[in-house]
Amino acid sequence: MELVFLFKKVVGSALMPMPAALILLLLAGLMRRFSFRRCSLGLTVLAGVQLFLFSWPPVSGFLMMPLENSYPAYREQPVDYVVVLGGGHREDERIPVTSLLSSYSTSRLLEGIRIYRQNPGSTLYLSGYQGMTGRISNAEAMRRLALALGVPEGDMILESRPKDTATEAVWVKAHLGANRFALVTSASHMQRAVALFQGQGLDPVPAPTDYLVKRNGKSNLFALVPSSGALATSERALHEYLGYAWALMRGQLQP
């Protein structure tokens, strides 16, 4: 299982635009060294074109929009539990608790606390493991911030064993059974997360957050300039499409 997890992470990372461009440039250098100049030029151009396209806001928006539009925002539906999926953190005793979580995890936790407070008597379920070399889990990092924001210790459940969304769904089923729960994760991740939870026979109430694509309809010339932000958005979208394909291959989704 550990080898499968590592394989998925390594291959998924290599297929992202920046690593893929570096691999293409490395191959181009090898081709040039062995006098395959036309092949080298072609690989160099391909690396540049794909990096430009994925850094171009119209392309990143085209990739991300269908994912973020999969489910509407949470609308005060009664739930017994609020499940917040992990999204990364860092460990540094020098920084405040408000800086421990990644931007993904922070957005997810804040939305989870908002829904928890709209449902008196509900329980906050925090999920996420410690990473490959970490000492504390993502669930524990979220717990620390939730405590600082006034959530009582007794109103939280922590689950630090799952390493990915598929295993998070398995453990949520084991803990919550048929109880009604809101599922909080990034809007780009929600389609895959819901499908994986439904694959376990669960029926979550989607509560997407952490939106990346603007929806105000206004545009300007800067929206056509390639940027690192657009590249990051493209990478998030590609990660989800690859993750969905992997789940299909593994038979983790409902037929």
Protein backbone atom coordinates (compact mmCIF):
# COMPACT_ATOMS: atom_id res chain seq x y z
CA MET A 1 0.00 0.00 0.00
CA GLU A 2 2.86 2.37 0.86
CA LEU A 3 4.54 1.69 -2.49
CA VAL A 4 1.29 2.37 -4.36
CA PHE A 5 0.89 5.64 -2.47
CA LEU A 6 4.47 6.70 -3.26
CA PHE A 7 4.07 5.71 -6.92
CA LYS A 8 0.91 7.82 -7.18
CA LYS A 9 2.62 10.83 -5.62
CA VAL A 10 5.79 10.61 -7.74
CA VAL A 11 3.99 10.09 -11.07
CA GLY A 12 1.39 12.74 -10.26
CA SER A 13 4.10 15.29 -9.44
CA ALA A 14 6.10 14.48 -12.59
CA LEU A 15 3.04 15.13 -14.77
CA MET A 16 2.53 18.66 -13.46
CA PRO A 17 3.44 21.47 -15.92
CA MET A 18 6.69 22.68 -14.32
CA PRO A 19 8.27 19.26 -13.67
CA ALA A 20 7.08 18.08 -17.09
CA ALA A 21 8.75 21.10 -18.73
CA LEU A 22 12.00 20.39 -16.86
CA ILE A 23 11.90 16.74 -17.96
CA LEU A 24 11.35 17.82 -21.57
CA LEU A 25 14.28 20.26 -21.36
CA LEU A 26 16.48 17.54 -19.89
CA LEU A 27 15.56 15.23 -22.76
CA ALA A 28 16.23 18.08 -25.19
CA GLY A 29 19.71 18.48 -23.72
CA LEU A 30 20.38 14.76 -24.12
CA MET A 31 19.13 14.81 -27.70
CA ARG A 32 21.40 17.74 -28.50
CA ARG A 33 24.39 15.99 -26.95
CA PHE A 34 23.84 13.03 -29.27
CA SER A 35 23.41 15.34 -32.30
CA PHE A 36 19.62 14.95 -32.64
CA ARG A 37 19.29 18.71 -33.06
CA ARG A 38 15.82 18.79 -34.65
CA CYS A 39 14.42 16.53 -31.96
CA SER A 40 16.11 18.68 -29.31
CA LEU A 41 14.57 21.84 -30.76
CA GLY A 42 11.13 20.23 -30.89
CA LEU A 43 11.28 19.18 -27.23
CA THR A 44 12.47 22.65 -26.20
CA VAL A 45 9.60 24.32 -28.06
CA LEU A 46 7.12 21.83 -26.58
CA ALA A 47 8.35 22.58 -23.05
CA GLY A 48 7.95 26.32 -23.60
CA VAL A 49 4.52 26.07 -25.24
CA GLN A 50 3.01 23.82 -22.58
CA LEU A 51 4.41 26.02 -19.80
CA PHE A 52 2.99 29.14 -21.49
CA LEU A 53 -0.45 27.59 -21.98
CA PHE A 54 -0.80 26.36 -18.39
CA SER A 55 0.37 29.78 -17.13
CA TRP A 56 -2.23 31.60 -19.26
CA PRO A 57 -5.34 32.59 -17.23
CA PRO A 58 -7.90 31.64 -19.94
CA VAL A 59 -6.51 28.09 -19.98
CA SER A 60 -6.29 27.76 -16.19
CA GLY A 61 -9.84 29.10 -15.86
CA PHE A 62 -11.08 26.69 -18.53
CA LEU A 63 -9.56 23.78 -16.59
CA MET A 64 -10.71 24.90 -13.15
CA MET A 65 -14.24 26.21 -13.75
CA PRO A 66 -15.95 22.82 -14.32
CA LEU A 67 -14.45 21.53 -11.08
CA GLU A 68 -15.40 24.52 -8.95
CA ASN A 69 -18.92 24.63 -10.39
CA SER A 70 -19.65 20.98 -9.54
CA TYR A 71 -21.55 21.82 -6.34
CA PRO A 72 -23.08 25.01 -4.89
CA ALA A 73 -21.97 26.52 -1.59
CA TYR A 74 -23.44 25.15 1.65
CA ARG A 75 -26.91 26.51 2.40
CA GLU A 76 -27.76 25.84 6.07
CA GLN A 77 -28.78 22.21 5.74
CA PRO A 78 -28.95 20.53 9.18
CA VAL A 79 -26.06 18.14 9.86
CA ASP A 80 -24.77 16.17 12.86
CA TYR A 81 -21.10 16.28 11.86
CA VAL A 82 -18.88 18.62 9.87
CA VAL A 83 -16.07 16.69 8.14
CA VAL A 84 -13.07 18.85 7.20
CA LEU A 85 -10.57 17.17 4.87
CA GLY A 86 -6.86 17.84 5.32
CA GLY A 87 -4.96 20.08 2.93
CA GLY A 88 -1.42 20.34 4.24
CA HIS A 89 0.46 22.14 7.02
CA ARG A 90 3.97 22.90 8.22
CA GLU A 91 5.74 22.40 11.53
CA ASP A 92 7.58 25.39 12.95
CA GLU A 93 7.47 26.26 16.65
CA ARG A 94 8.53 29.84 15.86
CA ILE A 95 5.32 30.77 14.03
CA PRO A 96 1.82 31.35 15.45
CA VAL A 97 -0.89 28.71 15.21
CA THR A 98 -2.63 30.83 12.56
CA SER A 99 0.30 30.19 10.19
CA LEU A 100 0.66 26.43 10.64
CA LEU A 101 -1.92 25.42 8.05
CA SER A 102 -1.64 25.76 4.28
CA SER A 103 -4.03 28.18 2.62
CA TYR A 104 -6.14 25.18 1.56
CA SER A 105 -6.43 23.83 5.10
CA THR A 106 -7.11 27.26 6.59
CA SER A 107 -10.00 27.94 4.19
CA ARG A 108 -11.43 24.47 4.81
CA LEU A 109 -11.19 24.76 8.58
CA LEU A 110 -12.77 28.23 8.69
CA GLU A 111 -15.69 27.04 6.56
CA GLY A 112 -15.99 23.96 8.77
CA ILE A 113 -16.17 26.08 11.92
CA ARG A 114 -18.76 28.35 10.29
CA ILE A 115 -21.00 25.36 9.49
CA TYR A 116 -20.37 23.83 12.93
CA ARG A 117 -21.63 27.04 14.56
CA GLN A 118 -24.72 27.05 12.35
CA ASN A 119 -25.59 23.58 13.68
CA PRO A 120 -25.69 23.64 17.51
CA GLY A 121 -24.83 20.25 18.94
CA SER A 122 -22.82 19.19 15.89
CA THR A 123 -19.28 17.80 16.00
CA LEU A 124 -16.25 18.92 14.00
CA TYR A 125 -14.44 15.96 12.40
CA LEU A 126 -10.87 16.87 11.39
CA SER A 127 -8.93 14.61 9.04
CA GLY A 128 -5.36 14.53 7.74
CA TYR A 129 -2.09 12.67 8.35
CA GLN A 130 1.36 13.93 9.31
CA GLY A 131 3.09 13.66 5.94
CA MET A 132 6.16 11.61 5.13
CA THR A 133 8.46 13.13 7.77
CA GLY A 134 6.16 15.16 10.01
CA ARG A 135 5.72 14.93 13.78
CA ILE A 136 2.16 16.25 14.03
CA SER A 137 -0.78 15.42 11.79
CA ASN A 138 -2.76 17.85 9.70
CA ALA A 139 -5.76 16.97 11.89
CA GLU A 140 -3.78 18.04 14.99
CA ALA A 141 -2.68 21.30 13.35
CA MET A 142 -6.33 22.06 12.52
CA ARG A 143 -7.35 21.18 16.09
CA ARG A 144 -4.89 23.71 17.49
CA LEU A 145 -6.27 26.52 15.35
CA ALA A 146 -9.88 25.48 16.06
CA LEU A 147 -9.16 25.62 19.81
CA ALA A 148 -7.67 29.09 19.39
CA LEU A 149 -10.85 30.14 17.58
CA GLY A 150 -13.08 28.97 20.42
CA VAL A 151 -14.16 25.45 19.43
CA PRO A 152 -14.36 23.25 22.58
CA GLU A 153 -12.06 20.22 22.69
CA GLY A 154 -15.04 17.94 23.30
CA ASP A 155 -16.71 19.04 20.05
CA MET A 156 -13.91 17.68 17.86
CA ILE A 157 -12.94 14.26 16.51
CA LEU A 158 -9.44 13.83 15.06
CA GLU A 159 -8.49 11.21 12.48
CA SER A 160 -4.81 11.26 11.53
CA ARG A 161 -4.45 7.90 9.74
CA PRO A 162 -5.81 8.59 6.22
CA LYS A 163 -3.17 9.60 3.65
CA ASP A 164 -5.54 10.48 0.81
CA THR A 165 -9.19 11.21 0.09
CA ALA A 166 -10.07 7.59 -0.64
CA THR A 167 -8.91 6.42 2.79
CA GLU A 168 -10.51 9.47 4.42
CA ALA A 169 -13.84 8.25 3.03
CA VAL A 170 -13.22 4.78 4.51
CA TRP A 171 -12.50 6.15 7.98
CA VAL A 172 -15.42 8.60 7.92
CA LYS A 173 -17.73 5.67 7.16
CA ALA A 174 -16.23 3.72 10.07
CA HIS A 175 -16.66 6.66 12.49
CA LEU A 176 -19.93 8.24 11.40
CA GLY A 177 -21.92 5.47 9.74
CA ALA A 178 -25.33 6.75 8.66
CA ASN A 179 -25.11 10.11 10.46
CA ARG A 180 -25.72 13.17 8.31
CA PHE A 181 -22.59 15.23 7.71
CA ALA A 182 -21.30 18.18 5.73
CA LEU A 183 -18.17 17.53 3.68
CA VAL A 184 -15.82 20.52 3.62
CA THR A 185 -13.00 20.71 1.11
CA SER A 186 -11.67 22.97 -1.65
CA ALA A 187 -14.16 23.62 -4.45
CA SER A 188 -11.72 22.16 -6.98
CA HIS A 189 -11.49 18.95 -4.92
CA MET A 190 -15.20 18.55 -4.16
CA GLN A 191 -16.26 16.57 -7.24
CA ARG A 192 -13.67 13.85 -6.62
CA ALA A 193 -14.22 13.88 -2.85
CA VAL A 194 -18.00 13.43 -3.15
CA ALA A 195 -17.54 10.64 -5.71
CA LEU A 196 -15.12 8.79 -3.40
CA PHE A 197 -17.45 9.17 -0.41
CA GLN A 198 -20.41 7.99 -2.47
CA GLY A 199 -18.26 5.03 -3.49
CA GLN A 200 -18.30 4.08 0.20
CA GLY A 201 -22.09 4.31 0.29
CA LEU A 202 -22.10 7.70 2.04
CA ASP A 203 -24.26 10.71 1.19
CA PRO A 204 -22.38 13.86 2.20
CA VAL A 205 -23.75 17.40 2.08
CA PRO A 206 -21.16 19.23 -0.08
CA ALA A 207 -19.67 22.39 1.43
CA PRO A 208 -17.07 23.70 -1.03
CA THR A 209 -14.67 26.51 -0.16
CA ASP A 210 -11.26 27.86 -1.25
CA TYR A 211 -12.40 29.05 -4.70
CA LEU A 212 -9.63 30.10 -7.10
CA VAL A 213 -11.45 31.38 -10.20
CA LYS A 214 -13.15 34.79 -10.15
CA ARG A 215 -16.86 34.88 -10.90
CA ASN A 216 -17.60 38.61 -11.14
CA GLY A 217 -17.60 38.57 -14.95
CA LYS A 218 -15.22 41.56 -15.14
CA SER A 219 -12.05 41.25 -17.17
CA ASN A 220 -8.99 43.34 -18.03
CA LEU A 221 -5.78 43.04 -19.99
CA PHE A 222 -3.90 41.63 -16.99
CA ALA A 223 -6.23 38.62 -17.12
CA LEU A 224 -4.52 37.66 -20.39
CA VAL A 225 -0.95 37.83 -19.06
CA PRO A 226 0.67 34.49 -18.09
CA SER A 227 1.32 34.30 -14.35
CA SER A 228 2.54 31.98 -11.62
CA GLY A 229 -0.93 32.16 -10.07
CA ALA A 230 -2.54 30.83 -13.24
CA LEU A 231 0.10 28.08 -13.39
CA ALA A 232 -0.73 27.07 -9.81
CA THR A 233 -4.44 27.01 -10.69
CA SER A 234 -3.74 24.79 -13.70
CA GLU A 235 -1.71 22.44 -11.52
CA ARG A 236 -4.54 22.20 -8.97
CA ALA A 237 -7.00 21.36 -11.76
CA LEU A 238 -4.70 18.80 -13.39
CA HIS A 239 -4.11 17.19 -9.99
CA GLU A 240 -7.87 16.68 -9.66
CA TYR A 241 -8.35 15.26 -13.14
CA LEU A 242 -5.46 12.84 -12.61
CA GLY A 243 -6.80 11.93 -9.17
CA TYR A 244 -10.24 11.20 -10.60
CA ALA A 245 -8.73 9.01 -13.32
CA TRP A 246 -6.68 7.15 -10.69
CA ALA A 247 -9.80 6.53 -8.58
CA LEU A 248 -11.61 5.16 -11.62
CA MET A 249 -8.70 2.84 -12.39
CA ARG A 250 -8.68 1.62 -8.78
CA GLY A 251 -12.44 0.96 -8.75
CA GLN A 252 -13.00 3.43 -5.90
CA LEU A 253 -15.99 5.20 -7.48
CA GLN A 254 -19.60 4.14 -7.75
CA PRO A 255 -20.35 2.34 -11.05
